Amino acid sequence: MADTKKKVEGEYLMYQGKPLVREENTIIYGDLNHDPFVLALEIMSYTTVGEEKVPNKVLIQILDAKDPNNIVQQGSKDNMHDAFSLGLTWLDLKLKKSAQ
């Protein structure tokens, strides 16, 4: 059976040694090919601050990298900073637990 995973070529923004990729309203942090779990942030809505659009509702998901349809943990926050911070904490805990 042929490998159906797509491999996107090119350079990615790296954060703490892991790729951080955004496509429209979805942000994925982690390596689907090497990590057992990845963080997915889905921007659900925006608010306007001055002339800037700023995320004001963000869905946080920890996904199984082998099956990205398998949501391991889920929550939401009202801004990107809090969502990313909480997501990083959850991801770190899941990665440490899976390494044991």
N, C-alpha and C. Protein backbone atom coordinates (compact mmCIF):
# COMPACT_ATOMS: atom_id res chain seq x y z
N MET A 1 0.84 -1.18 0.00
CA MET A 1 0.00 0.00 0.00
C MET A 1 0.88 1.24 0.00
N ALA A 2 0.60 2.19 -0.83
CA ALA A 2 1.40 3.41 -0.96
C ALA A 2 1.17 4.33 0.24
N ASP A 3 2.21 5.06 0.59
CA ASP A 3 2.12 6.03 1.67
C ASP A 3 1.29 7.21 1.18
N THR A 4 0.18 7.51 1.87
CA THR A 4 -0.72 8.57 1.42
C THR A 4 -0.46 9.90 2.12
N LYS A 5 0.50 9.95 3.05
CA LYS A 5 0.81 11.21 3.72
C LYS A 5 1.49 12.17 2.75
N LYS A 6 1.03 13.40 2.78
CA LYS A 6 1.66 14.43 1.97
C LYS A 6 2.85 14.99 2.74
N LYS A 7 3.91 15.26 2.05
CA LYS A 7 5.05 15.92 2.66
C LYS A 7 5.21 17.26 1.97
N VAL A 8 5.03 18.31 2.72
CA VAL A 8 5.13 19.65 2.17
C VAL A 8 6.58 20.06 2.22
N GLU A 9 7.11 20.41 1.08
CA GLU A 9 8.50 20.83 1.00
C GLU A 9 8.61 22.32 1.32
N GLY A 10 9.77 22.72 1.77
CA GLY A 10 10.01 24.13 2.03
C GLY A 10 10.46 24.34 3.46
N GLU A 11 10.60 25.62 3.81
CA GLU A 11 11.03 25.97 5.15
C GLU A 11 9.83 26.41 5.98
N TYR A 12 9.88 26.10 7.26
CA TYR A 12 8.82 26.45 8.18
C TYR A 12 9.35 27.37 9.26
N LEU A 13 8.46 28.13 9.85
CA LEU A 13 8.79 28.88 11.05
C LEU A 13 9.00 27.84 12.14
N MET A 14 10.10 27.92 12.86
CA MET A 14 10.40 26.98 13.93
C MET A 14 10.25 27.69 15.27
N TYR A 15 9.67 26.99 16.24
CA TYR A 15 9.54 27.49 17.59
C TYR A 15 9.95 26.37 18.53
N GLN A 16 10.94 26.60 19.35
CA GLN A 16 11.48 25.62 20.28
C GLN A 16 11.80 24.30 19.58
N GLY A 17 12.34 24.39 18.37
CA GLY A 17 12.81 23.21 17.64
C GLY A 17 11.73 22.43 16.91
N LYS A 18 10.51 22.94 16.88
CA LYS A 18 9.41 22.25 16.19
C LYS A 18 8.78 23.19 15.17
N PRO A 19 8.26 22.64 14.06
CA PRO A 19 7.64 23.49 13.05
C PRO A 19 6.30 24.07 13.53
N LEU A 20 6.07 25.32 13.15
CA LEU A 20 4.84 26.04 13.45
C LEU A 20 4.28 26.49 12.11
N VAL A 21 3.16 25.88 11.69
CA VAL A 21 2.64 26.09 10.35
C VAL A 21 1.21 26.61 10.44
N ARG A 22 0.92 27.66 9.66
CA ARG A 22 -0.43 28.21 9.63
C ARG A 22 -0.98 28.14 8.21
N GLU A 23 -2.22 27.68 8.12
CA GLU A 23 -2.96 27.73 6.85
C GLU A 23 -4.33 28.28 7.18
N GLU A 24 -4.59 29.48 6.71
CA GLU A 24 -5.83 30.22 6.99
C GLU A 24 -6.05 30.33 8.49
N ASN A 25 -7.09 29.70 9.05
CA ASN A 25 -7.40 29.83 10.47
C ASN A 25 -6.89 28.68 11.33
N THR A 26 -6.07 27.81 10.76
CA THR A 26 -5.55 26.65 11.48
C THR A 26 -4.04 26.77 11.66
N ILE A 27 -3.59 26.54 12.89
CA ILE A 27 -2.17 26.56 13.21
C ILE A 27 -1.82 25.19 13.79
N ILE A 28 -0.78 24.57 13.23
CA ILE A 28 -0.30 23.28 13.73
C ILE A 28 1.11 23.47 14.26
N TYR A 29 1.33 22.98 15.47
CA TYR A 29 2.65 23.05 16.09
C TYR A 29 3.10 21.63 16.41
N GLY A 30 4.22 21.23 15.86
CA GLY A 30 4.77 19.90 16.08
C GLY A 30 5.04 19.22 14.76
N ASP A 31 5.73 18.10 14.82
CA ASP A 31 6.12 17.36 13.62
C ASP A 31 5.29 16.09 13.51
N LEU A 32 4.39 16.05 12.55
CA LEU A 32 3.51 14.88 12.36
C LEU A 32 4.29 13.61 12.04
N ASN A 33 5.51 13.75 11.51
CA ASN A 33 6.30 12.58 11.14
C ASN A 33 7.15 12.04 12.28
N HIS A 34 7.41 12.85 13.32
CA HIS A 34 8.32 12.42 14.38
C HIS A 34 7.73 12.45 15.79
N ASP A 35 6.73 13.29 16.02
CA ASP A 35 6.14 13.41 17.36
C ASP A 35 4.89 12.54 17.47
N PRO A 36 4.63 11.96 18.64
CA PRO A 36 3.40 11.18 18.80
C PRO A 36 2.13 12.05 18.87
N PHE A 37 2.29 13.32 19.28
CA PHE A 37 1.16 14.25 19.39
C PHE A 37 1.56 15.60 18.82
N VAL A 38 0.58 16.36 18.34
CA VAL A 38 0.80 17.73 17.87
C VAL A 38 -0.31 18.62 18.43
N LEU A 39 -0.03 19.91 18.45
CA LEU A 39 -0.98 20.91 18.90
C LEU A 39 -1.65 21.54 17.68
N ALA A 40 -2.97 21.64 17.71
CA ALA A 40 -3.72 22.32 16.66
C ALA A 40 -4.52 23.46 17.30
N LEU A 41 -4.39 24.64 16.73
CA LEU A 41 -5.16 25.79 17.18
C LEU A 41 -6.04 26.23 16.02
N GLU A 42 -7.32 26.33 16.26
CA GLU A 42 -8.27 26.74 15.23
C GLU A 42 -8.89 28.07 15.66
N ILE A 43 -8.64 29.13 14.88
CA ILE A 43 -9.20 30.44 15.18
C ILE A 43 -10.67 30.41 14.76
N MET A 44 -11.56 30.53 15.74
CA MET A 44 -12.99 30.42 15.49
C MET A 44 -13.63 31.77 15.15
N SER A 45 -13.11 32.86 15.74
CA SER A 45 -13.66 34.19 15.45
C SER A 45 -12.61 35.26 15.74
N TYR A 46 -12.86 36.43 15.18
CA TYR A 46 -11.96 37.57 15.33
C TYR A 46 -12.72 38.76 15.90
N THR A 47 -11.96 39.66 16.49
CA THR A 47 -12.48 40.95 16.90
C THR A 47 -11.56 42.01 16.29
N THR A 48 -12.02 43.23 16.21
CA THR A 48 -11.20 44.32 15.65
C THR A 48 -10.70 45.20 16.78
N VAL A 49 -9.38 45.39 16.82
CA VAL A 49 -8.75 46.28 17.78
C VAL A 49 -8.05 47.34 16.95
N GLY A 50 -8.58 48.57 16.99
CA GLY A 50 -8.06 49.61 16.10
C GLY A 50 -8.38 49.20 14.67
N GLU A 51 -7.34 49.01 13.88
CA GLU A 51 -7.52 48.56 12.49
C GLU A 51 -7.10 47.11 12.29
N GLU A 52 -6.74 46.43 13.38
CA GLU A 52 -6.24 45.05 13.29
C GLU A 52 -7.32 44.02 13.64
N LYS A 53 -7.34 42.92 12.90
CA LYS A 53 -8.17 41.77 13.25
C LYS A 53 -7.38 40.89 14.21
N VAL A 54 -7.97 40.59 15.37
CA VAL A 54 -7.30 39.82 16.41
C VAL A 54 -8.19 38.63 16.79
N PRO A 55 -7.59 37.41 16.89
CA PRO A 55 -8.40 36.26 17.29
C PRO A 55 -9.01 36.47 18.68
N ASN A 56 -10.31 36.18 18.83
CA ASN A 56 -10.92 36.31 20.15
C ASN A 56 -11.58 35.01 20.62
N LYS A 57 -11.54 33.97 19.81
CA LYS A 57 -12.02 32.65 20.23
C LYS A 57 -11.16 31.62 19.52
N VAL A 58 -10.40 30.83 20.29
CA VAL A 58 -9.46 29.87 19.73
C VAL A 58 -9.73 28.48 20.32
N LEU A 59 -9.93 27.51 19.44
CA LEU A 59 -10.12 26.12 19.84
C LEU A 59 -8.74 25.47 19.94
N ILE A 60 -8.48 24.79 21.06
CA ILE A 60 -7.19 24.13 21.31
C ILE A 60 -7.42 22.63 21.23
N GLN A 61 -6.58 21.93 20.45
CA GLN A 61 -6.69 20.48 20.36
C GLN A 61 -5.31 19.84 20.37
N ILE A 62 -5.18 18.76 21.13
CA ILE A 62 -4.00 17.90 21.05
C ILE A 62 -4.43 16.72 20.19
N LEU A 63 -3.71 16.50 19.09
CA LEU A 63 -4.06 15.46 18.14
C LEU A 63 -3.04 14.34 18.14
N ASP A 64 -3.50 13.13 17.93
CA ASP A 64 -2.63 11.98 17.73
C ASP A 64 -1.99 12.14 16.35
N ALA A 65 -0.67 12.19 16.29
CA ALA A 65 0.02 12.43 15.01
C ALA A 65 -0.18 11.29 14.01
N LYS A 66 -0.39 10.07 14.50
CA LYS A 66 -0.62 8.94 13.60
C LYS A 66 -2.02 8.99 12.99
N ASP A 67 -2.96 9.56 13.72
CA ASP A 67 -4.34 9.71 13.26
C ASP A 67 -4.85 11.09 13.67
N PRO A 68 -4.58 12.13 12.85
CA PRO A 68 -4.98 13.49 13.22
C PRO A 68 -6.47 13.69 13.45
N ASN A 69 -7.31 12.72 13.08
CA ASN A 69 -8.74 12.81 13.38
C ASN A 69 -9.04 12.42 14.82
N ASN A 70 -8.05 11.83 15.51
CA ASN A 70 -8.19 11.42 16.90
C ASN A 70 -7.80 12.59 17.80
N ILE A 71 -8.79 13.23 18.40
CA ILE A 71 -8.55 14.36 19.31
C ILE A 71 -8.34 13.79 20.70
N VAL A 72 -7.15 14.03 21.26
CA VAL A 72 -6.78 13.49 22.57
C VAL A 72 -7.25 14.40 23.70
N GLN A 73 -7.19 15.72 23.45
CA GLN A 73 -7.60 16.69 24.47
C GLN A 73 -8.07 17.94 23.74
N GLN A 74 -9.07 18.62 24.33
CA GLN A 74 -9.64 19.78 23.65
C GLN A 74 -10.12 20.81 24.65
N GLY A 75 -10.03 22.07 24.27
CA GLY A 75 -10.53 23.17 25.09
C GLY A 75 -10.56 24.44 24.24
N SER A 76 -10.81 25.58 24.87
CA SER A 76 -10.81 26.83 24.14
C SER A 76 -10.40 27.97 25.06
N LYS A 77 -9.93 29.03 24.46
CA LYS A 77 -9.56 30.25 25.17
C LYS A 77 -10.02 31.45 24.35
N ASP A 78 -10.02 32.61 25.00
CA ASP A 78 -10.53 33.82 24.36
C ASP A 78 -9.46 34.68 23.70
N ASN A 79 -8.22 34.21 23.66
CA ASN A 79 -7.19 34.94 22.91
C ASN A 79 -6.07 33.98 22.52
N MET A 80 -5.30 34.36 21.54
CA MET A 80 -4.25 33.49 21.00
C MET A 80 -3.15 33.20 22.03
N HIS A 81 -2.75 34.19 22.79
CA HIS A 81 -1.68 33.99 23.77
C HIS A 81 -2.05 32.91 24.78
N ASP A 82 -3.23 33.02 25.37
CA ASP A 82 -3.66 32.03 26.37
C ASP A 82 -3.85 30.65 25.73
N ALA A 83 -4.39 30.62 24.51
CA ALA A 83 -4.60 29.34 23.81
C ALA A 83 -3.27 28.66 23.52
N PHE A 84 -2.30 29.41 23.02
CA PHE A 84 -1.00 28.84 22.69
C PHE A 84 -0.27 28.38 23.95
N SER A 85 -0.33 29.18 25.02
CA SER A 85 0.32 28.81 26.29
C SER A 85 -0.28 27.53 26.86
N LEU A 86 -1.60 27.44 26.92
CA LEU A 86 -2.25 26.25 27.44
C LEU A 86 -1.97 25.04 26.55
N GLY A 87 -2.05 25.25 25.24
CA GLY A 87 -1.77 24.17 24.29
C GLY A 87 -0.36 23.63 24.42
N LEU A 88 0.62 24.52 24.59
CA LEU A 88 2.01 24.09 24.77
C LEU A 88 2.17 23.27 26.04
N THR A 89 1.49 23.67 27.10
CA THR A 89 1.55 22.93 28.36
C THR A 89 0.97 21.54 28.19
N TRP A 90 -0.22 21.45 27.58
CA TRP A 90 -0.85 20.15 27.34
C TRP A 90 0.04 19.27 26.47
N LEU A 91 0.58 19.84 25.40
CA LEU A 91 1.42 19.07 24.48
C LEU A 91 2.66 18.55 25.19
N ASP A 92 3.30 19.40 25.98
CA ASP A 92 4.50 19.00 26.71
C ASP A 92 4.19 17.84 27.66
N LEU A 93 3.07 17.92 28.37
CA LEU A 93 2.69 16.84 29.28
C LEU A 93 2.43 15.54 28.52
N LYS A 94 1.73 15.61 27.39
CA LYS A 94 1.44 14.41 26.59
C LYS A 94 2.72 13.80 26.03
N LEU A 95 3.64 14.63 25.56
CA LEU A 95 4.89 14.12 25.00
C LEU A 95 5.74 13.47 26.09
N LYS A 96 5.81 14.09 27.27
CA LYS A 96 6.57 13.50 28.37
C LYS A 96 5.97 12.17 28.82
N LYS A 97 4.64 12.11 28.89
CA LYS A 97 3.96 10.89 29.32
C LYS A 97 4.16 9.77 28.31
N SER A 98 4.16 10.10 27.01
CA SER A 98 4.33 9.07 25.98
C SER A 98 5.77 8.56 25.92
N ALA A 99 6.73 9.35 26.42
CA ALA A 99 8.14 8.95 26.41
C ALA A 99 8.46 7.99 27.55
N GLN A 100 7.59 7.89 28.53
CA GLN A 100 7.86 7.03 29.70
C GLN A 100 7.69 5.57 29.36
